[in-house]
Amino acid sequence: MTLALEPVADASAPLARRNPVAKLGAALLFAFPLVATLDPVTPALALAVELVALPFFGVRPRVLARRVWPLLLAAGGVLISMLLFAADRGGAQLFALGGLDVTTGVLAGAAGLILRMFAVALPGIVVFATTDPTDLADALVQNAKAPARFAIGALAAFRLLPLLAAEWRMLTLARRARGVDAGRNPAARLRLFVSTAFALLVGALRRGVRLAVAMDARGFDSGTPRTHARVQRFTRADTALLAGAVLLSAAILGATVALGLFRPIIG
């Protein structure tokens, strides 16, 4: 169990150098309109644009593949769910799976959901792969005017996440050293997993309480104006990034409407 949270992209790439708030805002502005339609063409076009933009963020395909593999598991779950429970089974029948008819409509619906999931998640993955968490917290406070208590607290929690992986391994090794091993019994494995997860949760809550008390003891929430070691400037290039995200998203939706494939999620 590992958690890789540090930026892994080329920091000198043109879009990787942009303000963290601008990158986060651009990801939201580009991906949010994708949920307005059910057709598979819109997310497919958006995904193509995102893949073309990867070199400008300095993200290599191999690094991206290591970070998106959980989406492949989610895509498999979506496909199975659609095959089993899809209400709309219109279109030509391709084959029968048990008592279920697999039609072109079912596969089109599954493809639309899977492509939309990738198209919405990929911008966020790219943002966190190109942004230092401390820079993001500082930019949220300085540029987005987010409350410092929320931003710095979230940063502290984010920085503690890798410790969960280390503690999970420590708990597992400690129980194995005491002879607590599930072997090949699935039920015993499940019980051991639940008990280890509960112990990890208790430890995380205790650490969070200690951290909160320590931050308050240092006057974190005293109301005194805070200074920042890293000044985050929002430049014209950052504004251009936001505008470009809006224009690209509108162009993709416009192309789908022009092709007559737009299927609004409401109405």
C-alpha atoms as a PDB file:
ATOM      1  CA  MET A   1       0.000   0.000   0.000  1.00  0.00           C
ATOM      2  CA  THR A   2       1.699   3.194  -1.182  1.00  0.00           C
ATOM      3  CA  LEU A   3       0.604   6.775  -1.606  1.00  0.00           C
ATOM      4  CA  ALA A   4       2.473   9.027  -4.064  1.00  0.00           C
ATOM      5  CA  LEU A   5       1.374  12.616  -3.522  1.00  0.00           C
ATOM      6  CA  GLU A   6       4.346  14.725  -4.541  1.00  0.00           C
ATOM      7  CA  PRO A   7       4.451  16.454  -7.949  1.00  0.00           C
ATOM      8  CA  VAL A   8       6.071  14.235 -10.564  1.00  0.00           C
ATOM      9  CA  ALA A   9       5.898  16.423 -13.677  1.00  0.00           C
ATOM     10  CA  ASP A  10       8.568  18.552 -15.301  1.00  0.00           C
ATOM     11  CA  ALA A  11       8.431  21.803 -13.336  1.00  0.00           C
ATOM     12  CA  SER A  12       9.804  23.759 -16.300  1.00  0.00           C
ATOM     13  CA  ALA A  13       6.881  22.865 -18.593  1.00  0.00           C
ATOM     14  CA  PRO A  14       4.910  25.980 -19.656  1.00  0.00           C
ATOM     15  CA  LEU A  15       1.587  25.023 -18.052  1.00  0.00           C
ATOM     16  CA  ALA A  16       3.171  23.347 -15.025  1.00  0.00           C
ATOM     17  CA  ARG A  17       4.552  26.770 -13.999  1.00  0.00           C
ATOM     18  CA  ARG A  18       1.111  28.348 -13.816  1.00  0.00           C
ATOM     19  CA  ASN A  19      -0.510  29.418 -10.564  1.00  0.00           C
ATOM     20  CA  PRO A  20      -2.011  26.441  -8.681  1.00  0.00           C
ATOM     21  CA  VAL A  21      -5.388  28.173  -8.364  1.00  0.00           C
ATOM     22  CA  ALA A  22      -5.399  28.836 -12.116  1.00  0.00           C
ATOM     23  CA  LYS A  23      -4.673  25.183 -12.875  1.00  0.00           C
ATOM     24  CA  LEU A  24      -7.319  23.977 -10.453  1.00  0.00           C
ATOM     25  CA  GLY A  25      -9.860  26.462 -11.791  1.00  0.00           C
ATOM     26  CA  ALA A  26      -9.070  25.518 -15.392  1.00  0.00           C
ATOM     27  CA  ALA A  27      -9.552  21.827 -14.583  1.00  0.00           C
ATOM     28  CA  LEU A  28     -12.958  22.536 -13.038  1.00  0.00           C
ATOM     29  CA  LEU A  29     -14.091  24.871 -15.820  1.00  0.00           C
ATOM     30  CA  PHE A  30     -13.034  22.391 -18.497  1.00  0.00           C
ATOM     31  CA  ALA A  31     -14.453  19.249 -16.886  1.00  0.00           C
ATOM     32  CA  PHE A  32     -17.661  20.564 -15.328  1.00  0.00           C
ATOM     33  CA  PRO A  33     -19.621  21.053 -18.596  1.00  0.00           C
ATOM     34  CA  LEU A  34     -18.919  17.418 -19.507  1.00  0.00           C
ATOM     35  CA  VAL A  35     -21.543  16.249 -17.025  1.00  0.00           C
ATOM     36  CA  ALA A  36     -24.238  18.153 -18.933  1.00  0.00           C
ATOM     37  CA  THR A  37     -24.546  15.528 -21.665  1.00  0.00           C
ATOM     38  CA  LEU A  38     -24.923  11.760 -21.839  1.00  0.00           C
ATOM     39  CA  ASP A  39     -23.402  11.190 -25.278  1.00  0.00           C
ATOM     40  CA  PRO A  40     -19.977   9.517 -25.568  1.00  0.00           C
ATOM     41  CA  VAL A  41     -18.669  11.975 -28.192  1.00  0.00           C
ATOM     42  CA  THR A  42     -18.297  14.961 -25.846  1.00  0.00           C
ATOM     43  CA  PRO A  43     -16.083  13.199 -23.257  1.00  0.00           C
ATOM     44  CA  ALA A  44     -14.133  11.500 -26.071  1.00  0.00           C
ATOM     45  CA  LEU A  45     -13.288  14.884 -27.614  1.00  0.00           C
ATOM     46  CA  ALA A  46     -12.431  16.298 -24.178  1.00  0.00           C
ATOM     47  CA  LEU A  47     -10.196  13.324 -23.422  1.00  0.00           C
ATOM     48  CA  ALA A  48      -8.379  13.807 -26.727  1.00  0.00           C
ATOM     49  CA  VAL A  49      -7.769  17.481 -25.894  1.00  0.00           C
ATOM     50  CA  GLU A  50      -6.469  16.544 -22.437  1.00  0.00           C
ATOM     51  CA  LEU A  51      -4.038  13.982 -23.859  1.00  0.00           C
ATOM     52  CA  VAL A  52      -2.747  16.532 -26.376  1.00  0.00           C
ATOM     53  CA  ALA A  53      -2.174  19.013 -23.530  1.00  0.00           C
ATOM     54  CA  LEU A  54      -0.153  16.568 -21.382  1.00  0.00           C
ATOM     55  CA  PRO A  55       3.270  17.528 -22.833  1.00  0.00           C
ATOM     56  CA  PHE A  56       2.581  21.188 -22.013  1.00  0.00           C
ATOM     57  CA  PHE A  57       2.095  20.166 -18.370  1.00  0.00           C
ATOM     58  CA  GLY A  58       5.278  18.096 -18.409  1.00  0.00           C
ATOM     59  CA  VAL A  59       3.461  14.861 -17.528  1.00  0.00           C
ATOM     60  CA  ARG A  60       4.862  11.754 -19.185  1.00  0.00           C
ATOM     61  CA  PRO A  61       2.429   9.005 -20.276  1.00  0.00           C
ATOM     62  CA  ARG A  62       4.170   6.415 -18.080  1.00  0.00           C
ATOM     63  CA  VAL A  63       3.723   8.582 -14.992  1.00  0.00           C
ATOM     64  CA  LEU A  64       0.098   9.207 -15.907  1.00  0.00           C
ATOM     65  CA  ALA A  65      -0.536   5.480 -16.342  1.00  0.00           C
ATOM     66  CA  ARG A  66       0.719   4.822 -12.801  1.00  0.00           C
ATOM     67  CA  ARG A  67      -1.771   7.326 -11.421  1.00  0.00           C
ATOM     68  CA  VAL A  68      -4.896   6.448 -13.408  1.00  0.00           C
ATOM     69  CA  TRP A  69      -4.893   2.677 -12.902  1.00  0.00           C
ATOM     70  CA  PRO A  70      -7.640   2.893 -10.221  1.00  0.00           C
ATOM     71  CA  LEU A  71      -9.862   4.419 -12.905  1.00  0.00           C
ATOM     72  CA  LEU A  72      -9.455   1.242 -14.946  1.00  0.00           C
ATOM     73  CA  LEU A  73     -10.930  -0.751 -12.054  1.00  0.00           C
ATOM     74  CA  ALA A  74     -13.771   1.755 -11.782  1.00  0.00           C
ATOM     75  CA  ALA A  75     -14.363   1.508 -15.538  1.00  0.00           C
ATOM     76  CA  GLY A  76     -14.684  -2.264 -15.260  1.00  0.00           C
ATOM     77  CA  GLY A  77     -17.226  -1.816 -12.474  1.00  0.00           C
ATOM     78  CA  VAL A  78     -19.224   0.652 -14.561  1.00  0.00           C
ATOM     79  CA  LEU A  79     -19.246  -1.716 -17.531  1.00  0.00           C
ATOM     80  CA  ILE A  80     -20.432  -4.671 -15.444  1.00  0.00           C
ATOM     81  CA  SER A  81     -23.108  -2.546 -13.763  1.00  0.00           C
ATOM     82  CA  MET A  82     -24.405  -1.307 -17.109  1.00  0.00           C
ATOM     83  CA  LEU A  83     -24.504  -4.822 -18.537  1.00  0.00           C
ATOM     84  CA  LEU A  84     -26.473  -6.065 -15.542  1.00  0.00           C
ATOM     85  CA  PHE A  85     -28.739  -3.175 -14.607  1.00  0.00           C
ATOM     86  CA  ALA A  86     -29.080  -0.853 -17.632  1.00  0.00           C
ATOM     87  CA  ALA A  87     -32.729   0.168 -18.069  1.00  0.00           C
ATOM     88  CA  ASP A  88     -32.350   1.306 -21.688  1.00  0.00           C
ATOM     89  CA  ARG A  89     -31.565  -1.705 -23.860  1.00  0.00           C
ATOM     90  CA  GLY A  90     -32.413  -0.124 -27.191  1.00  0.00           C
ATOM     91  CA  GLY A  91     -30.457  -0.557 -30.378  1.00  0.00           C
ATOM     92  CA  ALA A  92     -29.343  -3.693 -32.160  1.00  0.00           C
ATOM     93  CA  GLN A  93     -28.800  -6.785 -30.079  1.00  0.00           C
ATOM     94  CA  LEU A  94     -25.188  -7.969 -30.153  1.00  0.00           C
ATOM     95  CA  PHE A  95     -25.394 -11.070 -27.984  1.00  0.00           C
ATOM     96  CA  ALA A  96     -27.173 -12.456 -24.952  1.00  0.00           C
ATOM     97  CA  LEU A  97     -25.405 -12.743 -21.610  1.00  0.00           C
ATOM     98  CA  GLY A  98     -27.423 -15.219 -19.616  1.00  0.00           C
ATOM     99  CA  GLY A  99     -30.895 -13.702 -19.496  1.00  0.00           C
ATOM    100  CA  LEU A 100     -29.656 -10.220 -20.394  1.00  0.00           C
ATOM    101  CA  ASP A 101     -29.564  -8.729 -23.850  1.00  0.00           C
ATOM    102  CA  VAL A 102     -26.371  -6.799 -24.629  1.00  0.00           C
ATOM    103  CA  THR A 103     -27.276  -4.153 -27.190  1.00  0.00           C
ATOM    104  CA  THR A 104     -25.544  -1.260 -28.871  1.00  0.00           C
ATOM    105  CA  GLY A 105     -27.511   1.096 -26.612  1.00  0.00           C
ATOM    106  CA  VAL A 106     -26.124  -0.544 -23.480  1.00  0.00           C
ATOM    107  CA  LEU A 107     -22.546  -0.386 -24.760  1.00  0.00           C
ATOM    108  CA  ALA A 108     -23.002   3.229 -25.899  1.00  0.00           C
ATOM    109  CA  GLY A 109     -24.286   4.183 -22.445  1.00  0.00           C
ATOM    110  CA  ALA A 110     -21.405   2.377 -20.745  1.00  0.00           C
ATOM    111  CA  ALA A 111     -18.880   3.997 -23.088  1.00  0.00           C
ATOM    112  CA  GLY A 112     -20.332   7.426 -22.364  1.00  0.00           C
ATOM    113  CA  LEU A 113     -20.048   6.936 -18.590  1.00  0.00           C
ATOM    114  CA  ILE A 114     -16.526   5.498 -18.750  1.00  0.00           C
ATOM    115  CA  LEU A 115     -15.227   8.205 -21.084  1.00  0.00           C
ATOM    116  CA  ARG A 116     -16.873  10.910 -18.956  1.00  0.00           C
ATOM    117  CA  MET A 117     -15.273   9.469 -15.821  1.00  0.00           C
ATOM    118  CA  PHE A 118     -11.819   9.589 -17.409  1.00  0.00           C
ATOM    119  CA  ALA A 119     -12.370  13.040 -18.928  1.00  0.00           C
ATOM    120  CA  VAL A 120     -13.502  14.516 -15.595  1.00  0.00           C
ATOM    121  CA  ALA A 121     -10.843  12.822 -13.457  1.00  0.00           C
ATOM    122  CA  LEU A 122      -7.826  13.348 -15.720  1.00  0.00           C
ATOM    123  CA  PRO A 123      -7.583  17.168 -15.288  1.00  0.00           C
ATOM    124  CA  GLY A 124      -7.540  16.770 -11.510  1.00  0.00           C
ATOM    125  CA  ILE A 125      -4.852  14.112 -11.719  1.00  0.00           C
ATOM    126  CA  VAL A 126      -2.747  16.387 -13.930  1.00  0.00           C
ATOM    127  CA  VAL A 127      -3.203  19.335 -11.551  1.00  0.00           C
ATOM    128  CA  PHE A 128      -1.969  17.403  -8.528  1.00  0.00           C
ATOM    129  CA  ALA A 129       0.839  15.814 -10.546  1.00  0.00           C
ATOM    130  CA  THR A 130       2.171  19.275 -11.423  1.00  0.00           C
ATOM    131  CA  THR A 131       1.508  21.161  -8.171  1.00  0.00           C
ATOM    132  CA  ASP A 132       3.312  21.195  -4.868  1.00  0.00           C
ATOM    133  CA  PRO A 133       0.706  20.870  -2.056  1.00  0.00           C
ATOM    134  CA  THR A 134       2.260  23.767  -0.127  1.00  0.00           C
ATOM    135  CA  ASP A 135       2.043  26.019  -3.194  1.00  0.00           C
ATOM    136  CA  LEU A 136      -1.598  25.027  -3.659  1.00  0.00           C
ATOM    137  CA  ALA A 137      -2.480  25.875  -0.054  1.00  0.00           C
ATOM    138  CA  ASP A 138      -0.642  29.212  -0.257  1.00  0.00           C
ATOM    139  CA  ALA A 139      -2.357  30.047  -3.552  1.00  0.00           C
ATOM    140  CA  LEU A 140      -5.791  29.196  -2.148  1.00  0.00           C
ATOM    141  CA  VAL A 141      -5.215  31.605   0.736  1.00  0.00           C
ATOM    142  CA  GLN A 142      -3.530  34.389  -1.257  1.00  0.00           C
ATOM    143  CA  ASN A 143      -5.382  34.261  -4.579  1.00  0.00           C
ATOM    144  CA  ALA A 144      -8.693  32.497  -3.916  1.00  0.00           C
ATOM    145  CA  LYS A 145      -9.069  34.117  -0.459  1.00  0.00           C
ATOM    146  CA  ALA A 146      -9.835  30.763   1.129  1.00  0.00           C
ATOM    147  CA  PRO A 147      -9.800  30.677   4.954  1.00  0.00           C
ATOM    148  CA  ALA A 148      -6.303  29.932   6.189  1.00  0.00           C
ATOM    149  CA  ARG A 149      -7.672  27.531   8.793  1.00  0.00           C
ATOM    150  CA  PHE A 150      -9.235  25.418   6.053  1.00  0.00           C
ATOM    151  CA  ALA A 151      -6.386  25.623   3.525  1.00  0.00           C
ATOM    152  CA  ILE A 152      -3.484  25.007   5.911  1.00  0.00           C
ATOM    153  CA  GLY A 153      -5.453  22.380   7.821  1.00  0.00           C
ATOM    154  CA  ALA A 154      -6.163  20.550   4.561  1.00  0.00           C
ATOM    155  CA  LEU A 155      -2.468  20.817   3.668  1.00  0.00           C
ATOM    156  CA  ALA A 156      -1.485  19.310   7.003  1.00  0.00           C
ATOM    157  CA  ALA A 157      -3.921  16.432   6.487  1.00  0.00           C
ATOM    158  CA  PHE A 158      -2.672  15.943   2.941  1.00  0.00           C
ATOM    159  CA  ARG A 159       0.929  15.806   4.154  1.00  0.00           C
ATOM    160  CA  LEU A 160      -0.007  13.157   6.716  1.00  0.00           C
ATOM    161  CA  LEU A 161      -1.595  10.820   4.159  1.00  0.00           C
ATOM    162  CA  PRO A 162       1.669   9.015   3.295  1.00  0.00           C
ATOM    163  CA  LEU A 163       1.990   8.119   6.979  1.00  0.00           C
ATOM    164  CA  LEU A 164      -1.152   6.007   6.649  1.00  0.00           C
ATOM    165  CA  ALA A 165       0.638   3.717   4.204  1.00  0.00           C
ATOM    166  CA  ALA A 166       3.617   3.415   6.558  1.00  0.00           C
ATOM    167  CA  GLU A 167       1.353   2.714   9.546  1.00  0.00           C
ATOM    168  CA  TRP A 168      -0.624   0.123   7.592  1.00  0.00           C
ATOM    169  CA  ARG A 169       2.593  -1.726   6.837  1.00  0.00           C
ATOM    170  CA  MET A 170       3.749  -1.407  10.455  1.00  0.00           C
ATOM    171  CA  LEU A 171       0.443  -2.772  11.790  1.00  0.00           C
ATOM    172  CA  THR A 172       0.542  -5.651   9.319  1.00  0.00           C
ATOM    173  CA  LEU A 173       4.116  -6.598  10.221  1.00  0.00           C
ATOM    174  CA  ALA A 174       3.442  -6.260  13.961  1.00  0.00           C
ATOM    175  CA  ARG A 175       0.444  -8.594  13.773  1.00  0.00           C
ATOM    176  CA  ARG A 176       2.366 -11.044  11.638  1.00  0.00           C
ATOM    177  CA  ALA A 177       5.193 -11.016  14.195  1.00  0.00           C
ATOM    178  CA  ARG A 178       2.642 -11.938  16.897  1.00  0.00           C
ATOM    179  CA  GLY A 179       1.417 -14.831  14.794  1.00  0.00           C
ATOM    180  CA  VAL A 180      -1.787 -13.164  13.596  1.00  0.00           C
ATOM    181  CA  ASP A 181      -2.084 -14.331   9.998  1.00  0.00           C
ATOM    182  CA  ALA A 182      -5.200 -15.084   7.986  1.00  0.00           C
ATOM    183  CA  GLY A 183      -3.504 -17.586   5.716  1.00  0.00           C
ATOM    184  CA  ARG A 184      -5.647 -18.513   2.730  1.00  0.00           C
ATOM    185  CA  ASN A 185      -8.987 -18.247   4.524  1.00  0.00           C
ATOM    186  CA  PRO A 186     -11.030 -15.466   2.796  1.00  0.00           C
ATOM    187  CA  ALA A 187     -13.226 -14.866   5.856  1.00  0.00           C
ATOM    188  CA  ALA A 188     -10.180 -14.575   8.107  1.00  0.00           C
ATOM    189  CA  ARG A 189      -8.550 -12.221   5.610  1.00  0.00           C
ATOM    190  CA  LEU A 190     -11.638 -10.006   5.672  1.00  0.00           C
ATOM    191  CA  ARG A 191     -11.733  -9.937   9.489  1.00  0.00           C
ATOM    192  CA  LEU A 192      -8.023  -9.109   9.633  1.00  0.00           C
ATOM    193  CA  PHE A 193      -8.444  -6.333   7.054  1.00  0.00           C
ATOM    194  CA  VAL A 194     -11.354  -4.776   8.984  1.00  0.00           C
ATOM    195  CA  SER A 195      -9.526  -4.902  12.312  1.00  0.00           C
ATOM    196  CA  THR A 196      -6.358  -3.411  10.781  1.00  0.00           C
ATOM    197  CA  ALA A 197      -8.368  -0.652   9.101  1.00  0.00           C
ATOM    198  CA  PHE A 198     -10.081   0.134  12.422  1.00  0.00           C
ATOM    199  CA  ALA A 199      -6.733   0.353  14.217  1.00  0.00           C
ATOM    200  CA  LEU A 200      -5.442   2.621  11.451  1.00  0.00           C
ATOM    201  CA  LEU A 201      -8.524   4.852  11.780  1.00  0.00           C
ATOM    202  CA  VAL A 202      -8.093   5.165  15.550  1.00  0.00           C
ATOM    203  CA  GLY A 203      -4.434   6.086  15.138  1.00  0.00           C
ATOM    204  CA  ALA A 204      -5.272   8.663  12.465  1.00  0.00           C
ATOM    205  CA  LEU A 205      -7.925  10.298  14.662  1.00  0.00           C
ATOM    206  CA  ARG A 206      -5.542  10.524  17.596  1.00  0.00           C
ATOM    207  CA  ARG A 207      -2.830  12.057  15.432  1.00  0.00           C
ATOM    208  CA  GLY A 208      -5.325  14.540  13.998  1.00  0.00           C
ATOM    209  CA  VAL A 209      -6.404  15.637  17.481  1.00  0.00           C
ATOM    210  CA  ARG A 210      -2.787  16.103  18.568  1.00  0.00           C
ATOM    211  CA  LEU A 211      -2.027  18.097  15.449  1.00  0.00           C
ATOM    212  CA  ALA A 212      -5.076  20.325  15.909  1.00  0.00           C
ATOM    213  CA  VAL A 213      -4.145  21.046  19.545  1.00  0.00           C
ATOM    214  CA  ALA A 214      -0.545  21.789  18.545  1.00  0.00           C
ATOM    215  CA  MET A 215      -1.642  24.207  15.794  1.00  0.00           C
ATOM    216  CA  ASP A 216      -4.010  26.046  18.143  1.00  0.00           C
ATOM    217  CA  ALA A 217      -1.295  26.194  20.818  1.00  0.00           C
ATOM    218  CA  ARG A 218       0.920  27.995  18.295  1.00  0.00           C
ATOM    219  CA  GLY A 219      -1.762  30.612  17.697  1.00  0.00           C
ATOM    220  CA  PHE A 220      -2.812  29.270  14.327  1.00  0.00           C
ATOM    221  CA  ASP A 221      -6.391  30.553  14.744  1.00  0.00           C
ATOM    222  CA  SER A 222      -5.560  33.713  16.662  1.00  0.00           C
ATOM    223  CA  GLY A 223      -6.844  36.029  13.923  1.00  0.00           C
ATOM    224  CA  THR A 224      -3.463  37.698  13.520  1.00  0.00           C
ATOM    225  CA  PRO A 225      -2.618  38.420   9.852  1.00  0.00           C
ATOM    226  CA  ARG A 226      -0.299  35.736   8.547  1.00  0.00           C
ATOM    227  CA  THR A 227       2.717  36.097   6.311  1.00  0.00           C
ATOM    228  CA  HIS A 228       3.628  33.695   3.517  1.00  0.00           C
ATOM    229  CA  ALA A 229       7.055  32.323   2.723  1.00  0.00           C
ATOM    230  CA  ARG A 230       6.010  31.625  -0.886  1.00  0.00           C
ATOM    231  CA  VAL A 231       4.266  34.516  -2.620  1.00  0.00           C
ATOM    232  CA  GLN A 232       1.852  33.222  -5.276  1.00  0.00           C
ATOM    233  CA  ARG A 233       1.218  35.707  -8.097  1.00  0.00           C
ATOM    234  CA  PHE A 234      -1.748  35.456 -10.434  1.00  0.00           C
ATOM    235  CA  THR A 235      -0.549  36.688 -13.821  1.00  0.00           C
ATOM    236  CA  ARG A 236      -2.078  37.308 -17.231  1.00  0.00           C
ATOM    237  CA  ALA A 237      -0.876  33.897 -18.332  1.00  0.00           C
ATOM    238  CA  ASP A 238      -2.962  32.356 -15.536  1.00  0.00           C
ATOM    239  CA  THR A 239      -6.009  34.301 -16.692  1.00  0.00           C
ATOM    240  CA  ALA A 240      -5.344  33.096 -20.240  1.00  0.00           C
ATOM    241  CA  LEU A 241      -5.272  29.504 -18.972  1.00  0.00           C
ATOM    242  CA  LEU A 242      -8.720  29.926 -17.404  1.00  0.00           C
ATOM    243  CA  ALA A 243     -10.087  31.569 -20.540  1.00  0.00           C
ATOM    244  CA  GLY A 244      -8.610  28.821 -22.718  1.00  0.00           C
ATOM    245  CA  ALA A 245     -10.274  26.134 -20.605  1.00  0.00           C
ATOM    246  CA  VAL A 246     -13.666  27.829 -20.979  1.00  0.00           C
ATOM    247  CA  LEU A 247     -13.256  28.286 -24.731  1.00  0.00           C
ATOM    248  CA  LEU A 248     -12.153  24.682 -25.299  1.00  0.00           C
ATOM    249  CA  SER A 249     -15.025  23.325 -23.242  1.00  0.00           C
ATOM    250  CA  ALA A 250     -17.521  25.505 -25.130  1.00  0.00           C
ATOM    251  CA  ALA A 251     -16.008  24.444 -28.468  1.00  0.00           C
ATOM    252  CA  ILE A 252     -16.381  20.755 -27.581  1.00  0.00           C
ATOM    253  CA  LEU A 253     -20.007  21.192 -26.547  1.00  0.00           C
ATOM    254  CA  GLY A 254     -20.643  23.281 -29.671  1.00  0.00           C
ATOM    255  CA  ALA A 255     -19.167  20.567 -31.886  1.00  0.00           C
ATOM    256  CA  THR A 256     -21.366  17.936 -30.269  1.00  0.00           C
ATOM    257  CA  VAL A 257     -24.475  20.081 -30.747  1.00  0.00           C
ATOM    258  CA  ALA A 258     -23.525  20.791 -34.381  1.00  0.00           C
ATOM    259  CA  LEU A 259     -23.183  17.061 -35.037  1.00  0.00           C
ATOM    260  CA  GLY A 260     -26.628  16.461 -33.548  1.00  0.00           C
ATOM    261  CA  LEU A 261     -25.269  14.133 -30.863  1.00  0.00           C
ATOM    262  CA  PHE A 262     -25.905  16.294 -27.796  1.00  0.00           C
ATOM    263  CA  ARG A 263     -28.004  14.416 -25.198  1.00  0.00           C
ATOM    264  CA  PRO A 264     -28.694  16.716 -22.228  1.00  0.00           C
ATOM    265  CA  ILE A 265     -28.665  14.993 -18.877  1.00  0.00           C
ATOM    266  CA  ILE A 266     -31.730  17.024 -17.855  1.00  0.00           C
ATOM    267  CA  GLY A 267     -34.684  17.273 -20.188  1.00  0.00           C
END
